[in-house]
């Protein structure tokens, strides 16, 4: 099965950076799943839910836009062209700094804001965005 990002690429568009959710953001799913495992395997439901969230979330920076997709059956997407993005804000708490995960908020022209929570290495994501914008200007 091909990914959503691959399906929506337009002519002359190439993926520059692929981001993933941090596994640390699923700590409570794993923890409570382990606690509930002896209870007729109820913990497996939490583990499966975490796995579905992890595999069904796609984040990509291309040479033309940022693409974000969440959801397996019910899909939620955000796609913004690089020239329409004003800023990317990175938020990391103490644990996020220690384990290298955080949230980013993409602010577009017209006041649109798109938060993406719990991505792995958000500083690298912002750096890849800045590189793509710089390359797009040339």
N, C-alpha and C. Protein backbone atom coordinates (compact mmCIF):
# COMPACT_ATOMS: atom_id res chain seq x y z
N UNK A 1 0.85 -1.17 0.00
CA UNK A 1 0.00 0.00 0.00
C UNK A 1 0.89 1.23 0.00
N UNK A 2 0.64 2.15 -0.92
CA UNK A 2 1.48 3.33 -0.99
C UNK A 2 0.99 4.37 0.01
N UNK A 3 1.88 5.25 0.37
CA UNK A 3 1.55 6.24 1.40
C UNK A 3 0.72 7.38 0.81
N UNK A 4 0.07 8.10 1.69
CA UNK A 4 -0.73 9.26 1.28
C UNK A 4 0.16 10.30 0.61
N UNK A 5 1.32 10.53 1.18
CA UNK A 5 2.23 11.53 0.63
C UNK A 5 2.59 11.18 -0.81
N UNK A 6 2.91 9.93 -1.07
CA UNK A 6 3.25 9.51 -2.44
C UNK A 6 2.09 9.72 -3.41
N UNK A 7 0.87 9.53 -2.92
CA UNK A 7 -0.30 9.65 -3.78
C UNK A 7 -0.61 11.10 -4.16
N UNK A 8 -0.26 12.06 -3.30
CA UNK A 8 -0.66 13.45 -3.54
C UNK A 8 0.44 14.32 -4.12
N UNK A 9 1.60 13.74 -4.40
CA UNK A 9 2.67 14.54 -5.00
C UNK A 9 2.25 15.04 -6.37
N UNK A 10 2.58 16.30 -6.65
CA UNK A 10 2.25 16.88 -7.94
C UNK A 10 3.48 16.87 -8.84
N UNK A 11 3.31 17.34 -10.06
CA UNK A 11 4.40 17.33 -11.04
C UNK A 11 5.61 18.09 -10.51
N UNK A 12 6.78 17.51 -10.67
CA UNK A 12 8.07 18.08 -10.25
C UNK A 12 8.19 18.29 -8.74
N UNK A 13 7.42 17.56 -7.98
CA UNK A 13 7.49 17.66 -6.52
C UNK A 13 8.24 16.45 -5.97
N UNK A 14 9.16 16.71 -5.04
CA UNK A 14 9.96 15.63 -4.45
C UNK A 14 9.97 15.79 -2.93
N UNK A 15 9.95 14.67 -2.25
CA UNK A 15 10.00 14.68 -0.78
C UNK A 15 11.42 15.00 -0.34
N UNK A 16 11.54 15.98 0.55
CA UNK A 16 12.83 16.37 1.10
C UNK A 16 13.05 15.76 2.47
N UNK A 17 11.98 15.72 3.28
CA UNK A 17 12.11 15.25 4.66
C UNK A 17 10.83 14.54 5.08
N UNK A 18 10.96 13.37 5.68
CA UNK A 18 9.84 12.64 6.26
C UNK A 18 10.01 12.62 7.78
N UNK A 19 8.98 13.00 8.49
CA UNK A 19 9.02 13.00 9.95
C UNK A 19 8.09 11.91 10.47
N UNK A 20 8.34 11.47 11.67
CA UNK A 20 7.50 10.46 12.32
C UNK A 20 7.13 10.96 13.71
N UNK A 21 6.10 10.36 14.26
CA UNK A 21 5.76 10.64 15.64
C UNK A 21 6.79 10.00 16.55
N UNK A 22 7.02 10.61 17.68
CA UNK A 22 7.95 10.06 18.65
C UNK A 22 7.30 8.90 19.40
N UNK A 23 8.03 7.83 19.57
CA UNK A 23 7.50 6.70 20.34
C UNK A 23 7.32 7.07 21.81
N UNK A 24 8.07 8.07 22.27
CA UNK A 24 7.91 8.52 23.66
C UNK A 24 6.52 9.11 23.91
N UNK A 25 5.89 9.62 22.89
CA UNK A 25 4.55 10.19 23.06
C UNK A 25 3.51 9.11 23.34
N UNK A 26 3.87 7.86 23.12
CA UNK A 26 2.95 6.74 23.37
C UNK A 26 3.26 6.04 24.69
N UNK A 27 4.05 6.66 25.54
CA UNK A 27 4.46 6.03 26.80
C UNK A 27 3.25 5.56 27.61
N UNK A 28 2.24 6.42 27.74
CA UNK A 28 1.09 6.05 28.59
C UNK A 28 0.28 4.92 27.96
N UNK A 29 0.22 4.87 26.64
CA UNK A 29 -0.45 3.74 25.98
C UNK A 29 0.26 2.43 26.35
N UNK A 30 1.59 2.45 26.26
CA UNK A 30 2.36 1.24 26.57
C UNK A 30 2.27 0.89 28.05
N UNK A 31 2.37 1.90 28.91
CA UNK A 31 2.36 1.69 30.36
C UNK A 31 1.03 1.08 30.81
N UNK A 32 -0.09 1.75 30.46
CA UNK A 32 -1.39 1.24 30.87
C UNK A 32 -1.74 -0.05 30.13
N UNK A 33 -1.24 -0.20 28.91
CA UNK A 33 -1.44 -1.45 28.20
C UNK A 33 -0.79 -2.61 28.92
N UNK A 34 0.40 -2.36 29.48
CA UNK A 34 1.09 -3.39 30.25
C UNK A 34 0.34 -3.72 31.53
N UNK A 35 -0.19 -2.68 32.20
CA UNK A 35 -0.95 -2.91 33.42
C UNK A 35 -2.25 -3.67 33.16
N UNK A 36 -2.90 -3.40 32.02
CA UNK A 36 -4.18 -4.03 31.71
C UNK A 36 -4.05 -5.35 30.96
N UNK A 37 -2.84 -5.72 30.61
CA UNK A 37 -2.64 -6.96 29.85
C UNK A 37 -3.19 -8.19 30.57
N UNK A 38 -2.96 -8.35 31.88
CA UNK A 38 -3.51 -9.54 32.54
C UNK A 38 -5.04 -9.56 32.59
N UNK A 39 -5.67 -8.41 32.39
CA UNK A 39 -7.13 -8.32 32.45
C UNK A 39 -7.72 -8.71 31.09
N UNK A 40 -7.70 -10.01 30.81
CA UNK A 40 -8.24 -10.58 29.58
C UNK A 40 -7.62 -9.95 28.32
N UNK A 41 -6.39 -9.52 28.43
CA UNK A 41 -5.70 -8.96 27.28
C UNK A 41 -6.17 -7.57 26.89
N UNK A 42 -6.84 -6.88 27.81
CA UNK A 42 -7.39 -5.55 27.50
C UNK A 42 -6.27 -4.56 27.13
N UNK A 43 -5.07 -4.79 27.63
CA UNK A 43 -3.96 -3.91 27.31
C UNK A 43 -3.59 -3.94 25.83
N UNK A 44 -3.91 -5.05 25.17
CA UNK A 44 -3.63 -5.14 23.74
C UNK A 44 -4.39 -4.07 22.95
N UNK A 45 -5.57 -3.70 23.43
CA UNK A 45 -6.35 -2.67 22.74
C UNK A 45 -5.59 -1.35 22.74
N UNK A 46 -4.99 -1.01 23.87
CA UNK A 46 -4.20 0.22 23.95
C UNK A 46 -2.97 0.14 23.06
N UNK A 47 -2.32 -0.99 23.04
CA UNK A 47 -1.13 -1.15 22.18
C UNK A 47 -1.51 -1.06 20.71
N UNK A 48 -2.62 -1.66 20.33
CA UNK A 48 -3.07 -1.60 18.94
C UNK A 48 -3.46 -0.17 18.57
N UNK A 49 -4.12 0.53 19.49
CA UNK A 49 -4.49 1.93 19.23
C UNK A 49 -3.25 2.78 19.00
N UNK A 50 -2.23 2.60 19.82
CA UNK A 50 -0.98 3.36 19.66
C UNK A 50 -0.32 3.03 18.33
N UNK A 51 -0.31 1.77 17.97
CA UNK A 51 0.30 1.35 16.70
C UNK A 51 -0.44 1.96 15.51
N UNK A 52 -1.78 1.97 15.56
CA UNK A 52 -2.57 2.55 14.47
C UNK A 52 -2.31 4.04 14.34
N UNK A 53 -2.25 4.75 15.46
CA UNK A 53 -1.95 6.19 15.42
C UNK A 53 -0.56 6.41 14.82
N UNK A 54 0.39 5.61 15.23
CA UNK A 54 1.77 5.77 14.76
C UNK A 54 1.88 5.53 13.25
N UNK A 55 1.31 4.45 12.76
CA UNK A 55 1.47 4.13 11.33
C UNK A 55 0.58 4.97 10.43
N UNK A 56 -0.49 5.54 10.98
CA UNK A 56 -1.42 6.29 10.13
C UNK A 56 -1.15 7.79 10.11
N UNK A 57 -0.07 8.22 10.73
CA UNK A 57 0.30 9.64 10.72
C UNK A 57 1.50 9.82 9.80
N UNK A 58 1.35 10.72 8.85
CA UNK A 58 2.43 11.01 7.90
C UNK A 58 2.73 12.50 7.90
N UNK A 59 3.99 12.84 7.93
CA UNK A 59 4.45 14.23 7.90
C UNK A 59 5.58 14.33 6.90
N UNK A 60 5.46 15.26 5.97
CA UNK A 60 6.50 15.38 4.96
C UNK A 60 6.70 16.83 4.56
N UNK A 61 7.94 17.13 4.22
CA UNK A 61 8.28 18.41 3.61
C UNK A 61 8.76 18.08 2.21
N UNK A 62 8.14 18.72 1.24
CA UNK A 62 8.57 18.54 -0.15
C UNK A 62 9.21 19.84 -0.62
N UNK A 63 9.64 19.86 -1.84
CA UNK A 63 10.22 21.08 -2.37
C UNK A 63 9.16 22.15 -2.68
N UNK A 64 7.86 21.81 -2.49
CA UNK A 64 6.79 22.76 -2.77
C UNK A 64 5.86 23.02 -1.59
N UNK A 65 5.73 22.06 -0.66
CA UNK A 65 4.75 22.22 0.43
C UNK A 65 5.06 21.32 1.61
N UNK A 66 4.29 21.53 2.68
CA UNK A 66 4.31 20.66 3.85
C UNK A 66 3.02 19.86 3.82
N UNK A 67 3.12 18.57 4.04
CA UNK A 67 1.96 17.68 4.01
C UNK A 67 1.87 16.98 5.36
N UNK A 68 0.68 17.03 5.97
CA UNK A 68 0.42 16.34 7.23
C UNK A 68 -0.87 15.55 7.08
N UNK A 69 -0.83 14.27 7.46
CA UNK A 69 -2.01 13.41 7.38
C UNK A 69 -2.12 12.59 8.66
N UNK A 70 -3.32 12.60 9.26
CA UNK A 70 -3.61 11.80 10.44
C UNK A 70 -4.83 10.95 10.17
N UNK A 71 -4.87 9.78 10.74
CA UNK A 71 -6.06 8.96 10.66
C UNK A 71 -5.96 7.80 9.70
N UNK A 72 -6.66 6.73 10.04
CA UNK A 72 -6.67 5.53 9.21
C UNK A 72 -7.95 5.48 8.39
N UNK A 73 -9.09 5.52 9.05
CA UNK A 73 -10.36 5.49 8.34
C UNK A 73 -10.88 6.91 8.15
N UNK A 74 -10.94 7.66 9.23
CA UNK A 74 -11.31 9.07 9.14
C UNK A 74 -10.02 9.86 8.99
N UNK A 75 -9.85 10.52 7.87
CA UNK A 75 -8.59 11.17 7.53
C UNK A 75 -8.67 12.67 7.77
N UNK A 76 -7.59 13.23 8.30
CA UNK A 76 -7.46 14.66 8.52
C UNK A 76 -6.14 15.10 7.89
N UNK A 77 -6.21 16.00 6.91
CA UNK A 77 -4.99 16.42 6.22
C UNK A 77 -4.82 17.93 6.27
N UNK A 78 -3.56 18.33 6.24
CA UNK A 78 -3.20 19.74 6.11
C UNK A 78 -2.07 19.78 5.08
N UNK A 79 -2.25 20.60 4.08
CA UNK A 79 -1.22 20.78 3.06
C UNK A 79 -1.06 22.27 2.82
N UNK A 80 0.14 22.78 3.05
CA UNK A 80 0.40 24.21 2.87
C UNK A 80 1.61 24.39 1.96
N UNK A 81 1.45 25.26 0.98
CA UNK A 81 2.56 25.57 0.10
C UNK A 81 3.60 26.38 0.87
N UNK A 82 4.87 26.12 0.59
CA UNK A 82 5.96 26.75 1.34
C UNK A 82 5.88 28.27 1.32
N UNK A 83 5.49 28.84 0.19
CA UNK A 83 5.45 30.31 0.12
C UNK A 83 4.29 30.90 0.91
N UNK A 84 3.36 30.08 1.36
CA UNK A 84 2.22 30.56 2.16
C UNK A 84 2.45 30.38 3.67
N UNK A 85 3.61 29.89 4.04
CA UNK A 85 3.92 29.67 5.46
C UNK A 85 4.75 30.83 5.97
N UNK A 86 4.28 31.42 7.07
CA UNK A 86 4.99 32.55 7.66
C UNK A 86 6.01 32.11 8.70
N UNK A 87 5.65 31.10 9.51
CA UNK A 87 6.58 30.67 10.56
C UNK A 87 6.26 29.25 11.01
N UNK A 88 7.26 28.64 11.64
CA UNK A 88 7.09 27.35 12.30
C UNK A 88 7.57 27.52 13.74
N UNK A 89 6.67 27.25 14.67
CA UNK A 89 6.99 27.37 16.10
C UNK A 89 7.22 25.97 16.66
N UNK A 90 8.29 25.81 17.41
CA UNK A 90 8.61 24.53 18.04
C UNK A 90 8.37 24.65 19.53
N UNK A 91 7.62 23.71 20.09
CA UNK A 91 7.37 23.67 21.54
C UNK A 91 7.87 22.34 22.08
N UNK A 92 8.77 22.41 23.05
CA UNK A 92 9.29 21.22 23.72
C UNK A 92 9.29 21.45 25.22
N UNK A 93 8.68 20.55 25.95
CA UNK A 93 8.76 20.59 27.40
C UNK A 93 10.08 19.96 27.85
N UNK A 94 10.20 19.78 29.14
CA UNK A 94 11.43 19.19 29.69
C UNK A 94 11.63 17.78 29.15
N UNK A 95 10.60 16.95 29.21
CA UNK A 95 10.73 15.58 28.70
C UNK A 95 10.97 15.58 27.19
N UNK A 96 10.34 16.52 26.49
CA UNK A 96 10.57 16.62 25.06
C UNK A 96 12.01 16.95 24.73
N UNK A 97 12.62 17.83 25.53
CA UNK A 97 14.04 18.16 25.32
C UNK A 97 14.92 16.95 25.61
N UNK A 98 14.60 16.23 26.68
CA UNK A 98 15.41 15.07 27.06
C UNK A 98 15.30 13.96 26.03
N UNK A 99 14.08 13.68 25.57
CA UNK A 99 13.85 12.55 24.66
C UNK A 99 13.68 12.98 23.20
N UNK A 100 13.93 14.26 22.90
CA UNK A 100 13.96 14.80 21.55
C UNK A 100 12.64 14.62 20.80
N UNK A 101 11.54 15.10 21.42
CA UNK A 101 10.27 15.18 20.72
C UNK A 101 9.57 16.46 21.13
N UNK A 102 8.58 16.85 20.36
CA UNK A 102 7.85 18.07 20.68
C UNK A 102 6.74 18.30 19.68
N UNK A 103 6.18 19.49 19.76
CA UNK A 103 5.10 19.88 18.87
C UNK A 103 5.55 21.06 18.03
N UNK A 104 5.02 21.12 16.83
CA UNK A 104 5.29 22.28 15.98
C UNK A 104 3.95 22.89 15.60
N UNK A 105 3.95 24.19 15.43
CA UNK A 105 2.77 24.90 14.96
C UNK A 105 3.17 25.67 13.70
N UNK A 106 2.50 25.37 12.62
CA UNK A 106 2.78 26.01 11.35
C UNK A 106 1.78 27.15 11.17
N UNK A 107 2.29 28.36 11.05
CA UNK A 107 1.44 29.54 10.87
C UNK A 107 1.50 29.97 9.41
N UNK A 108 0.35 29.96 8.77
CA UNK A 108 0.28 30.36 7.37
C UNK A 108 -0.27 31.76 7.21
N UNK A 109 -0.21 32.26 6.01
CA UNK A 109 -0.78 33.57 5.74
C UNK A 109 -2.29 33.50 5.95
N UNK A 110 -2.86 34.59 6.41
CA UNK A 110 -4.29 34.60 6.68
C UNK A 110 -4.64 34.09 8.06
N UNK A 111 -3.64 33.88 8.90
CA UNK A 111 -3.90 33.47 10.27
C UNK A 111 -4.12 31.98 10.48
N UNK A 112 -3.97 31.17 9.45
CA UNK A 112 -4.13 29.73 9.61
C UNK A 112 -3.01 29.18 10.47
N UNK A 113 -3.37 28.36 11.48
CA UNK A 113 -2.37 27.69 12.31
C UNK A 113 -2.67 26.21 12.34
N UNK A 114 -1.64 25.42 12.10
CA UNK A 114 -1.79 23.97 12.09
C UNK A 114 -0.82 23.35 13.07
N UNK A 115 -1.30 22.91 14.24
CA UNK A 115 -0.40 22.25 15.18
C UNK A 115 -0.20 20.78 14.82
N UNK A 116 1.01 20.31 15.00
CA UNK A 116 1.34 18.90 14.82
C UNK A 116 2.04 18.48 16.10
N UNK A 117 1.41 17.59 16.85
CA UNK A 117 1.90 17.22 18.17
C UNK A 117 2.79 15.99 18.14
N UNK A 118 3.73 15.96 19.07
CA UNK A 118 4.53 14.78 19.39
C UNK A 118 5.37 14.24 18.24
N UNK A 119 5.99 15.13 17.46
CA UNK A 119 6.85 14.62 16.41
C UNK A 119 8.27 14.42 16.94
N UNK A 120 8.91 13.47 16.37
CA UNK A 120 10.29 13.18 16.73
C UNK A 120 11.20 14.21 16.08
N UNK A 121 12.12 14.75 16.83
CA UNK A 121 13.12 15.69 16.37
C UNK A 121 12.51 16.92 15.66
N UNK A 122 11.73 17.73 16.40
CA UNK A 122 11.08 18.88 15.77
C UNK A 122 12.06 19.95 15.27
N UNK A 123 13.22 20.04 15.88
CA UNK A 123 14.22 21.02 15.43
C UNK A 123 14.72 20.64 14.03
N UNK A 124 14.91 19.36 13.79
CA UNK A 124 15.33 18.90 12.46
C UNK A 124 14.23 19.15 11.43
N UNK A 125 12.97 19.02 11.84
CA UNK A 125 11.85 19.32 10.96
C UNK A 125 11.89 20.79 10.55
N UNK A 126 12.06 21.68 11.52
CA UNK A 126 12.14 23.11 11.22
C UNK A 126 13.33 23.42 10.33
N UNK A 127 14.46 22.76 10.60
CA UNK A 127 15.66 22.97 9.78
C UNK A 127 15.42 22.53 8.33
N UNK A 128 14.76 21.40 8.15
CA UNK A 128 14.44 20.92 6.80
C UNK A 128 13.48 21.88 6.10
N UNK A 129 12.54 22.45 6.86
CA UNK A 129 11.63 23.43 6.28
C UNK A 129 12.40 24.66 5.81
N UNK A 130 13.28 25.18 6.65
CA UNK A 130 14.07 26.37 6.29
C UNK A 130 14.94 26.08 5.06
N UNK A 131 15.51 24.90 4.98
CA UNK A 131 16.31 24.50 3.82
C UNK A 131 15.46 24.46 2.56
N UNK A 132 14.24 23.91 2.68
CA UNK A 132 13.35 23.83 1.52
C UNK A 132 12.92 25.22 1.06
N UNK A 133 12.64 26.11 1.99
CA UNK A 133 12.25 27.48 1.63
C UNK A 133 13.41 28.19 0.95
N UNK A 134 14.60 28.02 1.50
CA UNK A 134 15.78 28.66 0.92
C UNK A 134 16.05 28.14 -0.50
N UNK A 135 15.92 26.84 -0.69
CA UNK A 135 16.15 26.25 -2.02
C UNK A 135 15.05 26.68 -3.00
N UNK A 136 13.86 26.90 -2.49
CA UNK A 136 12.73 27.31 -3.33
C UNK A 136 12.90 28.74 -3.85
N UNK A 137 13.59 29.58 -3.08
CA UNK A 137 13.81 30.97 -3.47
C UNK A 137 14.82 31.09 -4.59
N UNK A 138 15.72 30.13 -4.69
CA UNK A 138 16.82 30.21 -5.67
C UNK A 138 16.40 29.77 -7.04
